[in-house]
N, C-alpha and C. Protein backbone atom coordinates (compact mmCIF):
# COMPACT_ATOMS: atom_id res chain seq x y z
N MET A 1 0.85 -1.18 0.00
CA MET A 1 0.00 0.00 0.00
C MET A 1 0.89 1.24 0.00
N SER A 2 0.46 2.26 -0.70
CA SER A 2 1.25 3.49 -0.77
C SER A 2 1.22 4.22 0.57
N ASP A 3 1.98 5.29 0.65
CA ASP A 3 2.03 6.07 1.88
C ASP A 3 0.65 6.63 2.22
N ALA A 4 0.38 6.68 3.50
CA ALA A 4 -0.88 7.27 3.98
C ALA A 4 -0.86 8.77 3.72
N PHE A 5 -2.06 9.34 3.54
CA PHE A 5 -2.17 10.79 3.32
C PHE A 5 -1.47 11.54 4.46
N GLN A 6 -1.66 11.07 5.67
CA GLN A 6 -1.12 11.75 6.85
C GLN A 6 0.40 11.71 6.89
N ASP A 7 1.03 10.77 6.18
CA ASP A 7 2.48 10.70 6.16
C ASP A 7 3.12 11.87 5.42
N ALA A 8 2.32 12.59 4.62
CA ALA A 8 2.83 13.75 3.88
C ALA A 8 2.84 15.01 4.73
N TYR A 9 2.22 14.97 5.92
CA TYR A 9 2.19 16.15 6.76
C TYR A 9 3.59 16.44 7.30
N PRO A 10 3.98 17.72 7.33
CA PRO A 10 5.28 18.05 7.91
C PRO A 10 5.28 17.75 9.42
N ASP A 11 6.46 17.58 9.98
CA ASP A 11 6.59 17.22 11.39
C ASP A 11 5.80 18.14 12.33
N GLU A 12 5.85 19.45 12.09
CA GLU A 12 5.19 20.39 13.00
C GLU A 12 3.66 20.26 12.95
N LEU A 13 3.14 19.56 11.93
CA LEU A 13 1.69 19.33 11.84
C LEU A 13 1.36 17.84 11.98
N SER A 14 2.22 17.10 12.63
CA SER A 14 2.04 15.65 12.78
C SER A 14 1.95 15.22 14.23
N VAL A 15 1.35 16.07 15.06
CA VAL A 15 1.22 15.77 16.48
C VAL A 15 -0.23 15.57 16.91
N CYS A 16 -1.14 15.55 15.98
CA CYS A 16 -2.57 15.38 16.26
C CYS A 16 -2.83 14.08 17.02
N TYR A 17 -3.74 14.11 17.99
CA TYR A 17 -4.09 12.91 18.74
C TYR A 17 -4.66 11.83 17.81
N GLY A 18 -5.43 12.22 16.83
CA GLY A 18 -6.07 11.24 15.95
C GLY A 18 -5.15 10.67 14.89
N CYS A 19 -4.39 11.52 14.22
CA CYS A 19 -3.62 11.05 13.06
C CYS A 19 -2.14 11.39 13.09
N GLY A 20 -1.69 12.03 14.13
CA GLY A 20 -0.30 12.46 14.17
C GLY A 20 0.67 11.30 14.34
N ARG A 21 1.54 11.12 13.37
CA ARG A 21 2.53 10.04 13.45
C ARG A 21 3.53 10.28 14.56
N LEU A 22 3.65 11.53 15.03
CA LEU A 22 4.59 11.85 16.09
C LEU A 22 3.94 11.90 17.47
N ASN A 23 2.66 11.59 17.56
CA ASN A 23 1.97 11.56 18.85
C ASN A 23 1.99 10.13 19.38
N GLU A 24 2.86 9.89 20.33
CA GLU A 24 3.07 8.54 20.88
C GLU A 24 1.79 7.88 21.37
N LYS A 25 0.89 8.66 21.97
CA LYS A 25 -0.31 8.11 22.58
C LYS A 25 -1.54 8.24 21.68
N GLY A 26 -1.36 8.72 20.46
CA GLY A 26 -2.49 8.96 19.58
C GLY A 26 -3.05 7.71 18.93
N LEU A 27 -4.09 7.91 18.13
CA LEU A 27 -4.76 6.81 17.44
C LEU A 27 -4.02 6.34 16.19
N HIS A 28 -3.20 7.20 15.59
CA HIS A 28 -2.43 6.89 14.38
C HIS A 28 -3.32 6.49 13.21
N ILE A 29 -4.35 7.28 12.97
CA ILE A 29 -5.25 7.07 11.84
C ILE A 29 -4.44 7.21 10.54
N LYS A 30 -4.63 6.27 9.62
CA LYS A 30 -3.95 6.28 8.32
C LYS A 30 -5.01 6.11 7.24
N SER A 31 -4.97 6.98 6.24
CA SER A 31 -5.97 6.99 5.17
C SER A 31 -5.30 6.85 3.81
N TYR A 32 -6.01 6.18 2.90
CA TYR A 32 -5.47 5.88 1.57
C TYR A 32 -6.57 6.00 0.52
N TRP A 33 -6.18 6.17 -0.73
CA TRP A 33 -7.13 6.08 -1.84
C TRP A 33 -7.49 4.63 -2.07
N ASP A 34 -8.76 4.41 -2.38
CA ASP A 34 -9.27 3.11 -2.83
C ASP A 34 -10.18 3.42 -4.01
N GLY A 35 -9.57 3.59 -5.18
CA GLY A 35 -10.32 4.06 -6.35
C GLY A 35 -10.68 5.52 -6.16
N GLU A 36 -11.97 5.82 -6.25
CA GLU A 36 -12.45 7.20 -6.07
C GLU A 36 -12.84 7.49 -4.62
N ARG A 37 -12.79 6.48 -3.77
CA ARG A 37 -13.10 6.66 -2.36
C ARG A 37 -11.82 6.59 -1.55
N THR A 38 -11.94 6.98 -0.28
CA THR A 38 -10.81 6.85 0.63
C THR A 38 -11.14 5.80 1.67
N VAL A 39 -10.12 5.17 2.21
CA VAL A 39 -10.33 4.12 3.19
C VAL A 39 -9.35 4.26 4.35
N CYS A 40 -9.84 3.94 5.52
CA CYS A 40 -9.02 3.88 6.73
C CYS A 40 -9.48 2.64 7.49
N ARG A 41 -8.53 1.85 7.92
CA ARG A 41 -8.84 0.68 8.74
C ARG A 41 -8.26 0.93 10.13
N PHE A 42 -9.12 0.80 11.12
CA PHE A 42 -8.72 1.12 12.49
C PHE A 42 -9.22 0.04 13.45
N ARG A 43 -8.32 -0.45 14.25
CA ARG A 43 -8.67 -1.47 15.25
C ARG A 43 -8.70 -0.79 16.62
N PRO A 44 -9.89 -0.65 17.22
CA PRO A 44 -9.95 -0.02 18.54
C PRO A 44 -9.19 -0.83 19.59
N ASP A 45 -8.68 -0.12 20.56
CA ASP A 45 -7.98 -0.69 21.69
C ASP A 45 -9.01 -0.90 22.82
N PRO A 46 -8.79 -1.87 23.69
CA PRO A 46 -9.71 -2.05 24.82
C PRO A 46 -9.92 -0.77 25.65
N ALA A 47 -8.93 0.12 25.67
CA ALA A 47 -9.07 1.39 26.40
C ALA A 47 -10.09 2.32 25.76
N HIS A 48 -10.51 2.03 24.54
CA HIS A 48 -11.47 2.87 23.83
C HIS A 48 -12.92 2.46 24.11
N THR A 49 -13.13 1.76 25.20
CA THR A 49 -14.46 1.25 25.56
C THR A 49 -15.38 2.34 26.09
N ALA A 50 -16.64 2.28 25.65
CA ALA A 50 -17.70 3.13 26.19
C ALA A 50 -18.43 2.33 27.27
N ILE A 51 -19.10 1.28 26.83
CA ILE A 51 -19.66 0.27 27.72
C ILE A 51 -19.10 -1.05 27.24
N ALA A 52 -19.10 -2.04 28.07
CA ALA A 52 -18.45 -3.31 27.75
C ALA A 52 -18.84 -3.79 26.36
N GLY A 53 -17.81 -3.98 25.53
CA GLY A 53 -18.00 -4.54 24.19
C GLY A 53 -18.17 -3.52 23.08
N PHE A 54 -18.23 -2.23 23.42
CA PHE A 54 -18.51 -1.22 22.40
C PHE A 54 -17.56 -0.03 22.49
N VAL A 55 -17.31 0.58 21.32
CA VAL A 55 -16.36 1.69 21.20
C VAL A 55 -16.98 3.00 21.68
N TYR A 56 -16.20 3.75 22.41
CA TYR A 56 -16.57 5.10 22.88
C TYR A 56 -16.80 6.01 21.66
N GLY A 57 -17.91 6.72 21.67
CA GLY A 57 -18.28 7.57 20.54
C GLY A 57 -17.28 8.65 20.21
N GLY A 58 -16.57 9.16 21.21
CA GLY A 58 -15.57 10.20 20.96
C GLY A 58 -14.40 9.68 20.15
N VAL A 59 -14.03 8.43 20.35
CA VAL A 59 -12.96 7.82 19.56
C VAL A 59 -13.43 7.66 18.11
N ILE A 60 -14.68 7.25 17.94
CA ILE A 60 -15.23 7.12 16.58
C ILE A 60 -15.24 8.48 15.90
N ALA A 61 -15.70 9.50 16.61
CA ALA A 61 -15.71 10.86 16.04
C ALA A 61 -14.31 11.32 15.68
N SER A 62 -13.33 11.01 16.53
CA SER A 62 -11.94 11.38 16.24
C SER A 62 -11.45 10.69 14.97
N ALA A 63 -11.79 9.42 14.81
CA ALA A 63 -11.38 8.69 13.61
C ALA A 63 -12.02 9.30 12.36
N ILE A 64 -13.31 9.63 12.45
CA ILE A 64 -13.99 10.27 11.32
C ILE A 64 -13.36 11.61 11.01
N ASP A 65 -13.09 12.39 12.05
CA ASP A 65 -12.48 13.71 11.90
C ASP A 65 -11.16 13.63 11.15
N CYS A 66 -10.25 12.77 11.61
CA CYS A 66 -8.93 12.69 10.99
C CYS A 66 -8.95 12.02 9.62
N HIS A 67 -9.83 11.03 9.44
CA HIS A 67 -9.95 10.45 8.10
C HIS A 67 -10.53 11.49 7.15
N GLY A 68 -11.45 12.30 7.63
CA GLY A 68 -12.05 13.35 6.80
C GLY A 68 -11.07 14.41 6.38
N THR A 69 -10.26 14.91 7.32
CA THR A 69 -9.30 15.97 6.95
C THR A 69 -8.17 15.41 6.09
N GLY A 70 -7.77 14.16 6.36
CA GLY A 70 -6.77 13.52 5.49
C GLY A 70 -7.30 13.32 4.09
N SER A 71 -8.55 12.90 3.99
CA SER A 71 -9.19 12.70 2.69
C SER A 71 -9.34 14.03 1.95
N ALA A 72 -9.64 15.09 2.70
CA ALA A 72 -9.76 16.42 2.10
C ALA A 72 -8.43 16.86 1.50
N ALA A 73 -7.35 16.66 2.24
CA ALA A 73 -6.02 17.03 1.74
C ALA A 73 -5.68 16.25 0.47
N ALA A 74 -6.00 14.95 0.48
CA ALA A 74 -5.72 14.12 -0.70
C ALA A 74 -6.57 14.52 -1.89
N ALA A 75 -7.84 14.86 -1.64
CA ALA A 75 -8.73 15.28 -2.73
C ALA A 75 -8.27 16.60 -3.34
N ALA A 76 -7.85 17.53 -2.49
CA ALA A 76 -7.35 18.82 -2.99
C ALA A 76 -6.07 18.61 -3.79
N LYS A 77 -5.20 17.75 -3.28
CA LYS A 77 -3.95 17.46 -4.00
C LYS A 77 -4.25 16.85 -5.36
N ARG A 78 -5.18 15.91 -5.40
CA ARG A 78 -5.56 15.26 -6.66
C ARG A 78 -6.17 16.29 -7.63
N ALA A 79 -7.01 17.18 -7.12
CA ALA A 79 -7.66 18.19 -7.97
C ALA A 79 -6.65 19.21 -8.50
N ARG A 80 -5.56 19.44 -7.77
CA ARG A 80 -4.56 20.45 -8.16
C ARG A 80 -3.41 19.88 -8.97
N ALA A 81 -3.39 18.61 -9.19
CA ALA A 81 -2.27 17.98 -9.90
C ALA A 81 -1.98 18.73 -11.20
N GLY A 82 -0.72 19.12 -11.34
CA GLY A 82 -0.29 19.80 -12.56
C GLY A 82 -0.50 21.30 -12.55
N GLN A 83 -1.23 21.83 -11.57
CA GLN A 83 -1.45 23.28 -11.49
C GLN A 83 -0.24 23.94 -10.83
N SER A 84 0.11 25.11 -11.31
CA SER A 84 1.20 25.84 -10.66
C SER A 84 0.62 26.95 -9.79
N GLY A 85 1.39 27.35 -8.80
CA GLY A 85 0.97 28.46 -7.94
C GLY A 85 0.01 28.08 -6.84
N VAL A 86 -0.25 26.78 -6.65
CA VAL A 86 -1.12 26.34 -5.55
C VAL A 86 -0.36 25.33 -4.70
N GLU A 87 -0.73 25.25 -3.43
CA GLU A 87 -0.09 24.31 -2.52
C GLU A 87 -0.36 22.88 -2.98
N GLN A 88 0.71 22.11 -3.19
CA GLN A 88 0.57 20.74 -3.69
C GLN A 88 0.42 19.71 -2.57
N ASN A 89 0.79 20.06 -1.34
CA ASN A 89 0.61 19.19 -0.18
C ASN A 89 -0.15 19.96 0.89
N PRO A 90 -1.42 20.27 0.63
CA PRO A 90 -2.17 21.10 1.57
C PRO A 90 -2.48 20.36 2.87
N ARG A 91 -2.69 21.13 3.93
CA ARG A 91 -3.09 20.57 5.23
C ARG A 91 -4.45 21.17 5.57
N PHE A 92 -5.40 20.32 5.89
CA PHE A 92 -6.76 20.74 6.19
C PHE A 92 -7.08 20.52 7.66
N VAL A 93 -7.98 21.36 8.17
CA VAL A 93 -8.49 21.22 9.53
C VAL A 93 -10.02 21.20 9.46
N THR A 94 -10.64 20.77 10.53
CA THR A 94 -12.08 20.59 10.57
C THR A 94 -12.79 21.92 10.82
N ALA A 95 -13.74 22.24 9.94
CA ALA A 95 -14.63 23.39 10.15
C ALA A 95 -15.95 22.91 10.75
N SER A 96 -16.36 21.71 10.37
CA SER A 96 -17.60 21.14 10.88
C SER A 96 -17.48 19.62 10.89
N LEU A 97 -18.00 19.02 11.95
CA LEU A 97 -18.01 17.57 12.08
C LEU A 97 -19.41 17.15 12.52
N HIS A 98 -20.05 16.32 11.72
CA HIS A 98 -21.38 15.81 12.05
C HIS A 98 -21.30 14.29 12.09
N VAL A 99 -21.80 13.71 13.17
CA VAL A 99 -21.73 12.26 13.35
C VAL A 99 -23.10 11.73 13.74
N ASP A 100 -23.55 10.69 13.02
CA ASP A 100 -24.78 9.97 13.36
C ASP A 100 -24.41 8.55 13.76
N TYR A 101 -24.71 8.20 15.00
CA TYR A 101 -24.44 6.86 15.51
C TYR A 101 -25.69 6.01 15.25
N LEU A 102 -25.57 5.08 14.31
CA LEU A 102 -26.73 4.29 13.88
C LEU A 102 -26.90 3.01 14.67
N LYS A 103 -25.79 2.39 15.03
CA LYS A 103 -25.79 1.14 15.79
C LYS A 103 -24.58 1.15 16.72
N PRO A 104 -24.66 0.43 17.83
CA PRO A 104 -23.46 0.33 18.67
C PRO A 104 -22.30 -0.26 17.86
N THR A 105 -21.12 0.29 18.06
CA THR A 105 -19.94 -0.12 17.31
C THR A 105 -19.11 -1.09 18.16
N PRO A 106 -19.04 -2.35 17.73
CA PRO A 106 -18.32 -3.34 18.53
C PRO A 106 -16.82 -3.04 18.60
N ILE A 107 -16.24 -3.29 19.76
CA ILE A 107 -14.84 -2.97 19.99
C ILE A 107 -13.90 -4.08 19.55
N ASP A 108 -14.42 -5.29 19.34
CA ASP A 108 -13.55 -6.43 19.08
C ASP A 108 -13.32 -6.72 17.60
N VAL A 109 -13.70 -5.79 16.72
CA VAL A 109 -13.47 -5.96 15.28
C VAL A 109 -12.89 -4.67 14.69
N GLU A 110 -12.34 -4.80 13.50
CA GLU A 110 -11.77 -3.65 12.80
C GLU A 110 -12.89 -2.72 12.33
N MET A 111 -12.68 -1.44 12.50
CA MET A 111 -13.57 -0.43 11.93
C MET A 111 -13.01 -0.06 10.56
N VAL A 112 -13.88 -0.01 9.55
CA VAL A 112 -13.48 0.42 8.22
C VAL A 112 -14.21 1.73 7.94
N LEU A 113 -13.44 2.78 7.68
CA LEU A 113 -14.01 4.08 7.36
C LEU A 113 -13.86 4.30 5.87
N LEU A 114 -14.98 4.50 5.19
CA LEU A 114 -14.98 4.75 3.75
C LEU A 114 -15.42 6.18 3.50
N GLY A 115 -14.57 6.94 2.82
CA GLY A 115 -14.85 8.34 2.55
C GLY A 115 -15.23 8.58 1.11
N THR A 116 -16.24 9.42 0.93
CA THR A 116 -16.67 9.86 -0.40
C THR A 116 -16.50 11.37 -0.47
N ILE A 117 -15.75 11.83 -1.45
CA ILE A 117 -15.53 13.26 -1.62
C ILE A 117 -16.80 13.84 -2.25
N VAL A 118 -17.43 14.75 -1.54
CA VAL A 118 -18.69 15.35 -1.98
C VAL A 118 -18.45 16.64 -2.75
N GLU A 119 -17.48 17.43 -2.26
CA GLU A 119 -17.23 18.74 -2.87
C GLU A 119 -15.78 19.16 -2.64
N VAL A 120 -15.17 19.71 -3.68
CA VAL A 120 -13.86 20.36 -3.58
C VAL A 120 -14.04 21.73 -4.19
N LYS A 121 -13.99 22.77 -3.34
CA LYS A 121 -14.25 24.12 -3.83
C LYS A 121 -13.36 25.11 -3.09
N GLY A 122 -12.35 25.61 -3.80
CA GLY A 122 -11.42 26.55 -3.18
C GLY A 122 -10.69 25.91 -2.02
N ARG A 123 -10.79 26.52 -0.84
CA ARG A 123 -10.12 26.01 0.37
C ARG A 123 -11.02 25.06 1.16
N LYS A 124 -12.19 24.71 0.63
CA LYS A 124 -13.15 23.87 1.35
C LYS A 124 -13.33 22.52 0.64
N VAL A 125 -13.34 21.45 1.44
CA VAL A 125 -13.64 20.11 0.94
C VAL A 125 -14.65 19.47 1.88
N VAL A 126 -15.66 18.82 1.30
CA VAL A 126 -16.67 18.10 2.08
C VAL A 126 -16.51 16.61 1.82
N VAL A 127 -16.47 15.85 2.91
CA VAL A 127 -16.27 14.40 2.83
C VAL A 127 -17.35 13.70 3.65
N ASP A 128 -18.06 12.75 3.03
CA ASP A 128 -18.98 11.87 3.75
C ASP A 128 -18.26 10.59 4.09
N ILE A 129 -18.49 10.08 5.30
CA ILE A 129 -17.78 8.89 5.77
C ILE A 129 -18.77 7.91 6.39
N GLU A 130 -18.62 6.64 6.00
CA GLU A 130 -19.36 5.54 6.62
C GLU A 130 -18.38 4.70 7.41
N VAL A 131 -18.78 4.33 8.61
CA VAL A 131 -17.97 3.44 9.45
C VAL A 131 -18.69 2.10 9.50
N THR A 132 -17.99 1.07 9.03
CA THR A 132 -18.58 -0.27 9.06
C THR A 132 -17.74 -1.18 9.94
N CYS A 133 -18.42 -2.16 10.53
CA CYS A 133 -17.78 -3.22 11.30
C CYS A 133 -18.37 -4.53 10.82
N SER A 134 -17.53 -5.40 10.32
CA SER A 134 -17.99 -6.69 9.77
C SER A 134 -19.09 -6.50 8.74
N GLY A 135 -18.95 -5.44 7.92
CA GLY A 135 -19.89 -5.18 6.84
C GLY A 135 -21.16 -4.45 7.24
N VAL A 136 -21.33 -4.13 8.50
CA VAL A 136 -22.53 -3.43 8.99
C VAL A 136 -22.19 -1.95 9.20
N VAL A 137 -23.01 -1.06 8.61
CA VAL A 137 -22.80 0.38 8.81
C VAL A 137 -23.26 0.74 10.22
N CYS A 138 -22.33 1.19 11.03
CA CYS A 138 -22.62 1.56 12.41
C CYS A 138 -22.74 3.06 12.61
N VAL A 139 -21.96 3.83 11.82
CA VAL A 139 -21.89 5.27 12.00
C VAL A 139 -21.75 5.94 10.64
N LYS A 140 -22.37 7.11 10.49
CA LYS A 140 -22.16 7.95 9.31
C LYS A 140 -21.71 9.33 9.79
N GLY A 141 -20.81 9.92 9.03
CA GLY A 141 -20.34 11.24 9.40
C GLY A 141 -20.11 12.11 8.18
N ARG A 142 -20.03 13.39 8.43
CA ARG A 142 -19.68 14.37 7.39
C ARG A 142 -18.67 15.33 7.98
N VAL A 143 -17.59 15.53 7.24
CA VAL A 143 -16.55 16.48 7.63
C VAL A 143 -16.49 17.59 6.59
N VAL A 144 -16.61 18.83 7.05
CA VAL A 144 -16.34 19.98 6.22
C VAL A 144 -14.96 20.46 6.66
N ALA A 145 -14.01 20.39 5.75
CA ALA A 145 -12.63 20.72 6.07
C ALA A 145 -12.20 21.96 5.30
N VAL A 146 -11.36 22.76 5.93
CA VAL A 146 -10.82 23.95 5.28
C VAL A 146 -9.30 23.89 5.32
N GLU A 147 -8.71 24.40 4.27
CA GLU A 147 -7.26 24.40 4.14
C GLU A 147 -6.65 25.47 5.04
N LEU A 148 -5.58 25.07 5.73
CA LEU A 148 -4.82 26.07 6.51
C LEU A 148 -4.23 27.08 5.54
N PRO A 149 -4.20 28.36 5.93
CA PRO A 149 -3.55 29.36 5.08
C PRO A 149 -2.08 28.99 4.86
N LYS A 150 -1.58 29.33 3.70
CA LYS A 150 -0.19 28.99 3.34
C LYS A 150 0.82 29.54 4.35
N ASP A 151 0.53 30.71 4.94
CA ASP A 151 1.46 31.35 5.86
C ASP A 151 1.20 30.96 7.33
N TRP A 152 0.31 29.99 7.59
CA TRP A 152 0.00 29.59 8.96
C TRP A 152 1.17 28.84 9.56
N LYS A 153 1.51 29.21 10.78
CA LYS A 153 2.60 28.55 11.51
C LYS A 153 2.09 28.18 12.90
N PRO A 154 2.44 26.96 13.36
CA PRO A 154 2.02 26.56 14.72
C PRO A 154 2.76 27.34 15.78
C-alpha cells in the first residue's frame, strides 16, 4: 500500500491525537485512496471502551475527523495535480463535524471508514464517511474541512 495521506504532513503538523505520526499516545489514523473513495482501517484498543464490548463515541468521532481531513487534503492534491501556484501538499483542519451513531460499534473488530468526496471548492472540501464493522454500517459522518492558510505557523 502506498504512503498514507497523513504521512505527507510536515513534522510540525504531525502531532494530532487522531492522526499524528509523532503523537506517541495517539490513534495513528492512516488513510489511503481506494479508487475514487478513501479508506481507513482502524482497530480499537480495549481502552477505547464506552460500555463493555462497544467503542466510545468520541474515539469514533476522532477517527472520522482525521480520516475526513486527510481525505480532504488528498482530494485537494488530486484536484490540483499539474497546477502551478497552488499548494501541492495542503493541510486541512475541521470546520464542521457531524456524526450519526446508527448502531453500537463493537470494539472487538476492525472499523473500516470509507470516505466519499462530496465537494472540492477553493479552500473547502466536504467528505462523507461511513464506518462499518464486519460489513454493517454503524456510523455515518460528514466532515467539512478547510485548508490552513499557506502562511499559517504553529
